[in-house]
Amino acid sequence: MEKLKTFNITLRYYNLVIQPVKYHHPDCYIELMKKVFAQELSVVTGTDKLTKMRILNVSNDVIYGQLINMTTLGNDNWYDSVTDTVGQHPTEPNMYPNAREWDFYFMPENHRMAVVVKRGISWSQFEKYFATVFDKVCPALGYDTVIMNRVTSVQGLEEIYKLDTISTLEIEVSYSNNDNNDAFTTAIDNELKETNVSVLKTKAEATKNNPIILKKEGNSYLTSLVNLSKNNGFTKARGKEGRRVKTVNTRNYPRVDFLKKITDNTMVKSIMESIRGIKEG
């Protein structure tokens, strides 16, 4: 019997939340992805860059999808190095160079997406594609919006708590996937849902001579918002570490998981286990 080949993959994650809360259900997320695929939307995601969804395989447990990203070419402003002239050059209308495939796995039950990290993937383009297509399909489905946030690592929060002093604290959060670890954070999360708050934006500023006191443990309003932002927004802190002024944005600390020695037969199961392993802070 031939031995299956093993390989390693790297994953980054996104947290999706349909709003309003009455659509916070797996069937709605399946409907959302099907609608995006059916629209066959091509989105300009960067200078001379185009992205569209190429593949979507749907099941109740996990959805596999693939985006295709490519470079667009015009007929004008081509440089001819032999004649040292700039002019027109005909291009094939259906041909696009520099094509890159971006694979993702989405679990409707957890509302989370795992993206297979590949060389050349542009996270800003990936995010812009989904933000654009979600905005386009939501009205037809009756949804207000879809909030898509990077799942971040605890390192971002630790960098904030390491600051000796904090002068400003900016927090942006939406409601979560119902898997918070403490009662106080859950209470805030529930209030966001019950009051139909799409996004809460808070900016705290210290007084002139006294920095902000941010408690790492305990029932603190600021601490709970910071913890909630780990997978449902971001926190940006400005302060000092020693004498050095430092700014920390948790979006710059994405959660990255390395899956080792998996096979084609075990890959999907391994990715699902990784998604299920993500919990709120």
C-alpha atoms as a PDB file:
ATOM      1  CA  MET A   1       0.000   0.000   0.000  1.00  0.00           C
ATOM      2  CA  GLU A   2       1.415   3.379  -1.012  1.00  0.00           C
ATOM      3  CA  LYS A   3       2.199   5.643   1.915  1.00  0.00           C
ATOM      4  CA  LEU A   4       0.334   8.949   1.887  1.00  0.00           C
ATOM      5  CA  LYS A   5       2.518  11.993   1.458  1.00  0.00           C
ATOM      6  CA  THR A   6       2.542  14.426   4.361  1.00  0.00           C
ATOM      7  CA  PHE A   7       2.883  18.192   4.156  1.00  0.00           C
ATOM      8  CA  ASN A   8       2.617  21.283   6.340  1.00  0.00           C
ATOM      9  CA  ILE A   9       0.284  24.258   5.994  1.00  0.00           C
ATOM     10  CA  THR A  10      -0.014  27.619   7.720  1.00  0.00           C
ATOM     11  CA  LEU A  11      -3.367  29.175   8.604  1.00  0.00           C
ATOM     12  CA  ARG A  12      -4.649  32.640   9.395  1.00  0.00           C
ATOM     13  CA  TYR A  13      -8.212  33.299  10.504  1.00  0.00           C
ATOM     14  CA  TYR A  14     -11.159  35.655  10.203  1.00  0.00           C
ATOM     15  CA  ASN A  15     -14.246  36.023  12.328  1.00  0.00           C
ATOM     16  CA  LEU A  16     -17.524  36.769  10.501  1.00  0.00           C
ATOM     17  CA  VAL A  17     -20.718  38.070  12.078  1.00  0.00           C
ATOM     18  CA  ILE A  18     -23.932  38.752  10.173  1.00  0.00           C
ATOM     19  CA  GLN A  19     -25.966  41.612  11.587  1.00  0.00           C
ATOM     20  CA  PRO A  20     -28.612  41.979  12.938  1.00  0.00           C
ATOM     21  CA  VAL A  21     -28.399  39.261  15.554  1.00  0.00           C
ATOM     22  CA  LYS A  22     -31.519  37.400  14.390  1.00  0.00           C
ATOM     23  CA  TYR A  23     -29.476  36.180  11.400  1.00  0.00           C
ATOM     24  CA  HIS A  24     -26.704  34.823  13.631  1.00  0.00           C
ATOM     25  CA  HIS A  25     -27.404  31.264  12.458  1.00  0.00           C
ATOM     26  CA  PRO A  26     -25.385  28.685  10.445  1.00  0.00           C
ATOM     27  CA  ASP A  27     -27.992  28.502   7.658  1.00  0.00           C
ATOM     28  CA  CYS A  28     -27.643  32.248   7.088  1.00  0.00           C
ATOM     29  CA  TYR A  29     -23.871  31.948   6.676  1.00  0.00           C
ATOM     30  CA  ILE A  30     -24.313  29.154   4.148  1.00  0.00           C
ATOM     31  CA  GLU A  31     -26.844  31.302   2.286  1.00  0.00           C
ATOM     32  CA  LEU A  32     -24.392  34.227   2.374  1.00  0.00           C
ATOM     33  CA  MET A  33     -21.533  32.274   0.799  1.00  0.00           C
ATOM     34  CA  LYS A  34     -23.790  30.721  -1.858  1.00  0.00           C
ATOM     35  CA  LYS A  35     -25.086  34.166  -2.791  1.00  0.00           C
ATOM     36  CA  VAL A  36     -21.576  35.596  -3.128  1.00  0.00           C
ATOM     37  CA  PHE A  37     -20.528  32.738  -5.397  1.00  0.00           C
ATOM     38  CA  ALA A  38     -23.677  32.905  -7.511  1.00  0.00           C
ATOM     39  CA  GLN A  39     -23.157  36.600  -8.214  1.00  0.00           C
ATOM     40  CA  GLU A  40     -19.785  35.896  -9.892  1.00  0.00           C
ATOM     41  CA  LEU A  41     -18.530  39.287  -8.791  1.00  0.00           C
ATOM     42  CA  SER A  42     -15.096  40.483  -9.843  1.00  0.00           C
ATOM     43  CA  VAL A  43     -13.706  43.137  -7.511  1.00  0.00           C
ATOM     44  CA  VAL A  44     -10.913  45.633  -8.112  1.00  0.00           C
ATOM     45  CA  THR A  45      -8.833  45.001  -4.991  1.00  0.00           C
ATOM     46  CA  GLY A  46      -5.697  46.974  -5.826  1.00  0.00           C
ATOM     47  CA  THR A  47      -3.918  48.910  -8.530  1.00  0.00           C
ATOM     48  CA  ASP A  48      -4.315  46.742 -11.647  1.00  0.00           C
ATOM     49  CA  LYS A  49      -5.554  43.869  -9.451  1.00  0.00           C
ATOM     50  CA  LEU A  50      -8.795  41.918  -9.770  1.00  0.00           C
ATOM     51  CA  THR A  51     -10.187  39.248  -7.414  1.00  0.00           C
ATOM     52  CA  LYS A  52     -13.143  36.869  -7.776  1.00  0.00           C
ATOM     53  CA  MET A  53     -14.393  33.660  -6.179  1.00  0.00           C
ATOM     54  CA  ARG A  54     -13.443  30.781  -8.414  1.00  0.00           C
ATOM     55  CA  ILE A  55     -14.594  27.705  -6.433  1.00  0.00           C
ATOM     56  CA  LEU A  56     -17.170  27.087  -3.692  1.00  0.00           C
ATOM     57  CA  ASN A  57     -17.917  23.621  -2.304  1.00  0.00           C
ATOM     58  CA  VAL A  58     -20.655  23.777   0.311  1.00  0.00           C
ATOM     59  CA  SER A  59     -21.471  21.408   3.160  1.00  0.00           C
ATOM     60  CA  ASN A  60     -23.085  21.995   6.529  1.00  0.00           C
ATOM     61  CA  ASP A  61     -19.837  21.392   8.426  1.00  0.00           C
ATOM     62  CA  VAL A  62     -17.264  23.270   6.367  1.00  0.00           C
ATOM     63  CA  ILE A  63     -17.266  25.283   3.165  1.00  0.00           C
ATOM     64  CA  TYR A  64     -14.222  25.221   0.903  1.00  0.00           C
ATOM     65  CA  GLY A  65     -13.649  28.176  -1.369  1.00  0.00           C
ATOM     66  CA  GLN A  66     -10.952  29.558  -3.593  1.00  0.00           C
ATOM     67  CA  LEU A  67     -10.355  33.122  -4.708  1.00  0.00           C
ATOM     68  CA  ILE A  68      -8.392  33.906  -7.841  1.00  0.00           C
ATOM     69  CA  ASN A  69      -6.356  37.110  -7.865  1.00  0.00           C
ATOM     70  CA  MET A  70      -4.847  38.463 -11.074  1.00  0.00           C
ATOM     71  CA  THR A  71      -3.304  41.464 -12.783  1.00  0.00           C
ATOM     72  CA  THR A  72      -5.353  43.433 -15.305  1.00  0.00           C
ATOM     73  CA  LEU A  73      -3.729  44.839 -18.433  1.00  0.00           C
ATOM     74  CA  GLY A  74      -4.821  47.786 -20.556  1.00  0.00           C
ATOM     75  CA  ASN A  75      -3.950  48.521 -24.153  1.00  0.00           C
ATOM     76  CA  ASP A  76      -2.465  51.953 -23.481  1.00  0.00           C
ATOM     77  CA  ASN A  77       0.900  53.145 -22.167  1.00  0.00           C
ATOM     78  CA  TRP A  78       3.087  50.191 -23.118  1.00  0.00           C
ATOM     79  CA  TYR A  79       6.806  50.868 -23.263  1.00  0.00           C
ATOM     80  CA  ASP A  80       8.831  49.456 -26.159  1.00  0.00           C
ATOM     81  CA  SER A  81      12.445  49.233 -25.022  1.00  0.00           C
ATOM     82  CA  VAL A  82      13.730  48.707 -28.580  1.00  0.00           C
ATOM     83  CA  THR A  83      12.153  51.815 -30.065  1.00  0.00           C
ATOM     84  CA  ASP A  84      12.150  53.733 -26.749  1.00  0.00           C
ATOM     85  CA  THR A  85       8.535  54.714 -27.287  1.00  0.00           C
ATOM     86  CA  VAL A  86       5.301  54.584 -25.310  1.00  0.00           C
ATOM     87  CA  GLY A  87       2.174  53.541 -27.170  1.00  0.00           C
ATOM     88  CA  GLN A  88      -0.658  51.074 -27.511  1.00  0.00           C
ATOM     89  CA  HIS A  89      -0.334  47.297 -27.463  1.00  0.00           C
ATOM     90  CA  PRO A  90      -3.241  44.879 -28.029  1.00  0.00           C
ATOM     91  CA  THR A  91      -3.875  42.381 -25.220  1.00  0.00           C
ATOM     92  CA  GLU A  92      -5.947  39.222 -24.995  1.00  0.00           C
ATOM     93  CA  PRO A  93      -9.282  40.255 -23.409  1.00  0.00           C
ATOM     94  CA  ASN A  94      -9.683  37.036 -21.384  1.00  0.00           C
ATOM     95  CA  MET A  95      -6.066  36.562 -20.324  1.00  0.00           C
ATOM     96  CA  TYR A  96      -4.719  37.835 -16.989  1.00  0.00           C
ATOM     97  CA  PRO A  97      -1.126  37.386 -15.808  1.00  0.00           C
ATOM     98  CA  ASN A  98       0.229  36.825 -12.293  1.00  0.00           C
ATOM     99  CA  ALA A  99      -2.751  34.693 -11.237  1.00  0.00           C
ATOM    100  CA  ARG A 100      -2.670  33.495  -7.635  1.00  0.00           C
ATOM    101  CA  GLU A 101      -5.088  31.084  -5.933  1.00  0.00           C
ATOM    102  CA  TRP A 102      -6.148  31.823  -2.358  1.00  0.00           C
ATOM    103  CA  ASP A 103      -7.827  28.912  -0.518  1.00  0.00           C
ATOM    104  CA  PHE A 104     -10.131  29.307   2.472  1.00  0.00           C
ATOM    105  CA  TYR A 105     -12.269  27.065   4.694  1.00  0.00           C
ATOM    106  CA  PHE A 106     -15.324  28.492   6.421  1.00  0.00           C
ATOM    107  CA  MET A 107     -17.301  26.839   9.222  1.00  0.00           C
ATOM    108  CA  PRO A 108     -20.897  28.162   9.364  1.00  0.00           C
ATOM    109  CA  GLU A 109     -21.419  26.885  12.926  1.00  0.00           C
ATOM    110  CA  ASN A 110     -18.444  28.848  14.273  1.00  0.00           C
ATOM    111  CA  HIS A 111     -18.715  31.752  11.811  1.00  0.00           C
ATOM    112  CA  ARG A 112     -14.954  31.564  11.307  1.00  0.00           C
ATOM    113  CA  MET A 113     -12.769  31.300   8.249  1.00  0.00           C
ATOM    114  CA  ALA A 114      -9.315  29.727   7.961  1.00  0.00           C
ATOM    115  CA  VAL A 115      -7.132  30.925   5.103  1.00  0.00           C
ATOM    116  CA  VAL A 116      -4.221  28.867   3.825  1.00  0.00           C
ATOM    117  CA  VAL A 117      -1.188  31.135   3.846  1.00  0.00           C
ATOM    118  CA  LYS A 118       0.698  31.189   0.554  1.00  0.00           C
ATOM    119  CA  ARG A 119       3.537  33.256  -0.779  1.00  0.00           C
ATOM    120  CA  GLY A 120       2.240  36.407  -2.420  1.00  0.00           C
ATOM    121  CA  ILE A 121      -1.161  36.569  -0.712  1.00  0.00           C
ATOM    122  CA  SER A 122      -2.266  40.132  -0.057  1.00  0.00           C
ATOM    123  CA  TRP A 123      -4.333  40.306   3.106  1.00  0.00           C
ATOM    124  CA  SER A 124      -5.582  43.799   2.316  1.00  0.00           C
ATOM    125  CA  GLN A 125      -6.867  42.591  -1.069  1.00  0.00           C
ATOM    126  CA  PHE A 126      -8.386  39.468   0.494  1.00  0.00           C
ATOM    127  CA  GLU A 127     -10.262  41.602   3.017  1.00  0.00           C
ATOM    128  CA  LYS A 128     -11.311  44.199   0.446  1.00  0.00           C
ATOM    129  CA  TYR A 129     -12.805  41.489  -1.769  1.00  0.00           C
ATOM    130  CA  PHE A 130     -15.048  40.111   0.969  1.00  0.00           C
ATOM    131  CA  ALA A 131     -16.002  43.539   2.312  1.00  0.00           C
ATOM    132  CA  THR A 132     -17.109  44.568  -1.178  1.00  0.00           C
ATOM    133  CA  VAL A 133     -19.063  41.415  -2.077  1.00  0.00           C
ATOM    134  CA  PHE A 134     -20.752  41.245   1.329  1.00  0.00           C
ATOM    135  CA  ASP A 135     -21.955  44.828   0.903  1.00  0.00           C
ATOM    136  CA  LYS A 136     -23.359  43.956  -2.513  1.00  0.00           C
ATOM    137  CA  VAL A 137     -25.273  40.794  -1.531  1.00  0.00           C
ATOM    138  CA  CYS A 138     -26.564  41.784   1.934  1.00  0.00           C
ATOM    139  CA  PRO A 139     -29.566  43.844   0.708  1.00  0.00           C
ATOM    140  CA  ALA A 140     -30.894  40.915  -1.345  1.00  0.00           C
ATOM    141  CA  LEU A 141     -30.642  38.609   1.683  1.00  0.00           C
ATOM    142  CA  GLY A 142     -32.185  41.085   4.130  1.00  0.00           C
ATOM    143  CA  TYR A 143     -28.989  41.418   6.183  1.00  0.00           C
ATOM    144  CA  ASP A 144     -27.779  44.803   7.374  1.00  0.00           C
ATOM    145  CA  THR A 145     -24.086  44.012   7.097  1.00  0.00           C
ATOM    146  CA  VAL A 146     -21.380  41.402   7.662  1.00  0.00           C
ATOM    147  CA  ILE A 147     -18.558  42.305  10.025  1.00  0.00           C
ATOM    148  CA  MET A 148     -15.284  40.569   9.156  1.00  0.00           C
ATOM    149  CA  ASN A 149     -12.389  40.821  11.603  1.00  0.00           C
ATOM    150  CA  ARG A 150      -8.943  39.291  11.786  1.00  0.00           C
ATOM    151  CA  VAL A 151      -8.557  36.748  14.565  1.00  0.00           C
ATOM    152  CA  THR A 152      -5.532  37.976  16.482  1.00  0.00           C
ATOM    153  CA  SER A 153      -3.098  36.310  18.840  1.00  0.00           C
ATOM    154  CA  VAL A 154      -2.696  36.994  22.532  1.00  0.00           C
ATOM    155  CA  GLN A 155       0.647  38.613  21.716  1.00  0.00           C
ATOM    156  CA  GLY A 156      -1.053  41.839  20.651  1.00  0.00           C
ATOM    157  CA  LEU A 157      -2.828  42.129  23.984  1.00  0.00           C
ATOM    158  CA  GLU A 158       0.334  41.209  25.866  1.00  0.00           C
ATOM    159  CA  GLU A 159       2.207  44.007  24.091  1.00  0.00           C
ATOM    160  CA  ILE A 160      -0.423  46.450  25.341  1.00  0.00           C
ATOM    161  CA  TYR A 161      -0.272  45.161  28.911  1.00  0.00           C
ATOM    162  CA  LYS A 162       3.542  45.408  28.774  1.00  0.00           C
ATOM    163  CA  LEU A 163       3.380  49.164  28.312  1.00  0.00           C
ATOM    164  CA  ASP A 164       4.554  50.979  31.428  1.00  0.00           C
ATOM    165  CA  THR A 165       2.158  53.844  30.755  1.00  0.00           C
ATOM    166  CA  ILE A 166      -0.816  54.248  28.399  1.00  0.00           C
ATOM    167  CA  SER A 167      -1.838  57.702  27.207  1.00  0.00           C
ATOM    168  CA  THR A 168      -4.560  56.769  24.691  1.00  0.00           C
ATOM    169  CA  LEU A 169      -6.586  53.647  24.087  1.00  0.00           C
ATOM    170  CA  GLU A 170      -8.749  53.167  20.974  1.00  0.00           C
ATOM    171  CA  ILE A 171     -11.082  50.167  20.892  1.00  0.00           C
ATOM    172  CA  GLU A 172     -13.417  49.033  18.121  1.00  0.00           C
ATOM    173  CA  VAL A 173     -15.615  45.978  18.706  1.00  0.00           C
ATOM    174  CA  SER A 174     -18.657  44.219  17.309  1.00  0.00           C
ATOM    175  CA  TYR A 175     -20.522  41.433  19.063  1.00  0.00           C
ATOM    176  CA  SER A 176     -18.970  37.985  19.243  1.00  0.00           C
ATOM    177  CA  ASN A 177     -19.637  34.314  18.488  1.00  0.00           C
ATOM    178  CA  ASN A 178     -20.931  33.532  21.980  1.00  0.00           C
ATOM    179  CA  ASP A 179     -17.751  31.911  23.288  1.00  0.00           C
ATOM    180  CA  ASN A 180     -16.399  34.430  25.774  1.00  0.00           C
ATOM    181  CA  ASN A 181     -14.520  33.209  28.802  1.00  0.00           C
ATOM    182  CA  ASP A 182     -15.827  35.469  31.562  1.00  0.00           C
ATOM    183  CA  ALA A 183     -19.220  36.703  32.707  1.00  0.00           C
ATOM    184  CA  PHE A 184     -18.445  40.430  32.567  1.00  0.00           C
ATOM    185  CA  THR A 185     -17.299  40.297  28.933  1.00  0.00           C
ATOM    186  CA  THR A 186     -20.347  38.180  28.089  1.00  0.00           C
ATOM    187  CA  ALA A 187     -22.631  40.798  29.665  1.00  0.00           C
ATOM    188  CA  ILE A 188     -21.122  43.553  27.494  1.00  0.00           C
ATOM    189  CA  ASP A 189     -21.330  41.323  24.432  1.00  0.00           C
ATOM    190  CA  ASN A 190     -24.994  40.564  25.120  1.00  0.00           C
ATOM    191  CA  GLU A 191     -25.780  44.248  25.516  1.00  0.00           C
ATOM    192  CA  LEU A 192     -24.274  45.001  22.109  1.00  0.00           C
ATOM    193  CA  LYS A 193     -26.602  42.403  20.611  1.00  0.00           C
ATOM    194  CA  GLU A 194     -29.697  43.433  22.551  1.00  0.00           C
ATOM    195  CA  THR A 195     -29.282  47.119  21.694  1.00  0.00           C
ATOM    196  CA  ASN A 196     -28.547  46.512  17.995  1.00  0.00           C
ATOM    197  CA  VAL A 197     -25.090  48.078  18.171  1.00  0.00           C
ATOM    198  CA  SER A 198     -23.215  47.166  14.994  1.00  0.00           C
ATOM    199  CA  VAL A 199     -19.826  48.536  16.015  1.00  0.00           C
ATOM    200  CA  LEU A 200     -18.786  50.190  19.264  1.00  0.00           C
ATOM    201  CA  LYS A 201     -15.924  52.683  18.950  1.00  0.00           C
ATOM    202  CA  THR A 202     -14.338  53.950  22.144  1.00  0.00           C
ATOM    203  CA  LYS A 203     -11.383  56.265  22.697  1.00  0.00           C
ATOM    204  CA  ALA A 204      -9.977  56.692  26.179  1.00  0.00           C
ATOM    205  CA  GLU A 205      -7.478  59.453  26.932  1.00  0.00           C
ATOM    206  CA  ALA A 206      -5.392  59.819  30.045  1.00  0.00           C
ATOM    207  CA  THR A 207      -5.239  63.009  32.075  1.00  0.00           C
ATOM    208  CA  LYS A 208      -2.211  65.254  31.664  1.00  0.00           C
ATOM    209  CA  ASN A 209      -0.100  63.745  34.431  1.00  0.00           C
ATOM    210  CA  ASN A 210      -1.719  60.362  35.064  1.00  0.00           C
ATOM    211  CA  PRO A 211      -1.769  57.437  32.595  1.00  0.00           C
ATOM    212  CA  ILE A 212      -4.698  55.128  31.941  1.00  0.00           C
ATOM    213  CA  ILE A 213      -4.930  52.224  34.372  1.00  0.00           C
ATOM    214  CA  LEU A 214      -5.625  49.058  32.395  1.00  0.00           C
ATOM    215  CA  LYS A 215      -6.146  45.978  34.547  1.00  0.00           C
ATOM    216  CA  LYS A 216      -5.180  42.667  33.013  1.00  0.00           C
ATOM    217  CA  GLU A 217      -7.417  40.678  35.346  1.00  0.00           C
ATOM    218  CA  GLY A 218     -10.770  41.307  37.007  1.00  0.00           C
ATOM    219  CA  ASN A 219     -14.122  42.805  36.053  1.00  0.00           C
ATOM    220  CA  SER A 220     -13.102  45.982  34.283  1.00  0.00           C
ATOM    221  CA  TYR A 221     -15.098  47.645  31.517  1.00  0.00           C
ATOM    222  CA  LEU A 222     -11.973  48.619  29.565  1.00  0.00           C
ATOM    223  CA  THR A 223     -10.321  45.225  30.043  1.00  0.00           C
ATOM    224  CA  SER A 224     -13.442  43.404  28.846  1.00  0.00           C
ATOM    225  CA  LEU A 225     -13.648  45.565  25.737  1.00  0.00           C
ATOM    226  CA  VAL A 226      -9.967  44.948  25.025  1.00  0.00           C
ATOM    227  CA  ASN A 227     -10.458  41.189  25.417  1.00  0.00           C
ATOM    228  CA  LEU A 228     -13.572  41.256  23.244  1.00  0.00           C
ATOM    229  CA  SER A 229     -11.632  43.062  20.527  1.00  0.00           C
ATOM    230  CA  LYS A 230      -9.153  40.192  20.140  1.00  0.00           C
ATOM    231  CA  ASN A 231     -11.391  38.399  17.631  1.00  0.00           C
ATOM    232  CA  ASN A 232     -14.084  40.987  17.060  1.00  0.00           C
ATOM    233  CA  GLY A 233     -12.292  44.213  16.256  1.00  0.00           C
ATOM    234  CA  PHE A 234      -9.039  45.762  17.394  1.00  0.00           C
ATOM    235  CA  THR A 235      -7.382  47.747  20.146  1.00  0.00           C
ATOM    236  CA  LYS A 236      -4.807  50.447  19.502  1.00  0.00           C
ATOM    237  CA  ALA A 237      -2.790  51.722  22.447  1.00  0.00           C
ATOM    238  CA  ARG A 238      -0.227  54.493  22.613  1.00  0.00           C
ATOM    239  CA  GLY A 239       2.090  54.784  25.564  1.00  0.00           C
ATOM    240  CA  LYS A 240       5.601  54.240  26.761  1.00  0.00           C
ATOM    241  CA  GLU A 241       7.752  51.193  27.358  1.00  0.00           C
ATOM    242  CA  GLY A 242      10.590  52.567  29.425  1.00  0.00           C
ATOM    243  CA  ARG A 243      11.411  55.911  27.816  1.00  0.00           C
ATOM    244  CA  ARG A 244      10.375  54.805  24.333  1.00  0.00           C
ATOM    245  CA  VAL A 245       7.039  55.959  22.938  1.00  0.00           C
ATOM    246  CA  LYS A 246       5.252  52.966  21.423  1.00  0.00           C
ATOM    247  CA  THR A 247       2.010  52.338  19.536  1.00  0.00           C
ATOM    248  CA  VAL A 248       0.476  48.843  19.557  1.00  0.00           C
ATOM    249  CA  ASN A 249      -2.342  47.812  17.213  1.00  0.00           C
ATOM    250  CA  THR A 250      -3.637  44.284  17.798  1.00  0.00           C
ATOM    251  CA  ARG A 251      -4.512  43.943  14.081  1.00  0.00           C
ATOM    252  CA  ASN A 252      -0.785  43.672  13.469  1.00  0.00           C
ATOM    253  CA  TYR A 253      -0.641  40.452  15.526  1.00  0.00           C
ATOM    254  CA  PRO A 254      -2.774  37.928  13.595  1.00  0.00           C
ATOM    255  CA  ARG A 255      -3.197  34.442  14.956  1.00  0.00           C
ATOM    256  CA  VAL A 256      -1.100  32.022  12.902  1.00  0.00           C
ATOM    257  CA  ASP A 257      -1.287  28.235  13.271  1.00  0.00           C
ATOM    258  CA  PHE A 258       1.075  25.697  11.743  1.00  0.00           C
ATOM    259  CA  LEU A 259      -0.396  22.291  10.902  1.00  0.00           C
ATOM    260  CA  LYS A 260       2.352  19.704  10.491  1.00  0.00           C
ATOM    261  CA  LYS A 261       2.442  16.296   8.843  1.00  0.00           C
ATOM    262  CA  ILE A 262      -1.097  16.303   7.515  1.00  0.00           C
ATOM    263  CA  THR A 263      -2.291  14.452   4.430  1.00  0.00           C
ATOM    264  CA  ASP A 264      -4.934  15.101   1.786  1.00  0.00           C
ATOM    265  CA  ASN A 265      -7.207  12.769   3.769  1.00  0.00           C
ATOM    266  CA  THR A 266      -6.736  14.571   7.094  1.00  0.00           C
ATOM    267  CA  MET A 267      -6.405  18.206   5.992  1.00  0.00           C
ATOM    268  CA  VAL A 268     -10.054  19.265   6.235  1.00  0.00           C
ATOM    269  CA  LYS A 269     -10.503  17.585   9.623  1.00  0.00           C
ATOM    270  CA  SER A 270      -7.325  19.224  10.915  1.00  0.00           C
ATOM    271  CA  ILE A 271      -8.435  22.656   9.729  1.00  0.00           C
ATOM    272  CA  MET A 272     -11.851  22.224  11.362  1.00  0.00           C
ATOM    273  CA  GLU A 273     -10.202  21.284  14.648  1.00  0.00           C
ATOM    274  CA  SER A 274      -8.044  24.390  14.428  1.00  0.00           C
ATOM    275  CA  ILE A 275     -11.077  26.614  13.865  1.00  0.00           C
ATOM    276  CA  ARG A 276     -12.910  25.013  16.786  1.00  0.00           C
ATOM    277  CA  GLY A 277      -9.862  25.621  18.963  1.00  0.00           C
ATOM    278  CA  ILE A 278     -10.226  29.395  18.722  1.00  0.00           C
ATOM    279  CA  LYS A 279     -11.836  30.941  21.773  1.00  0.00           C
ATOM    280  CA  GLU A 280     -12.486  34.492  22.807  1.00  0.00           C
ATOM    281  CA  GLY A 281     -10.045  36.172  25.159  1.00  0.00           C
END
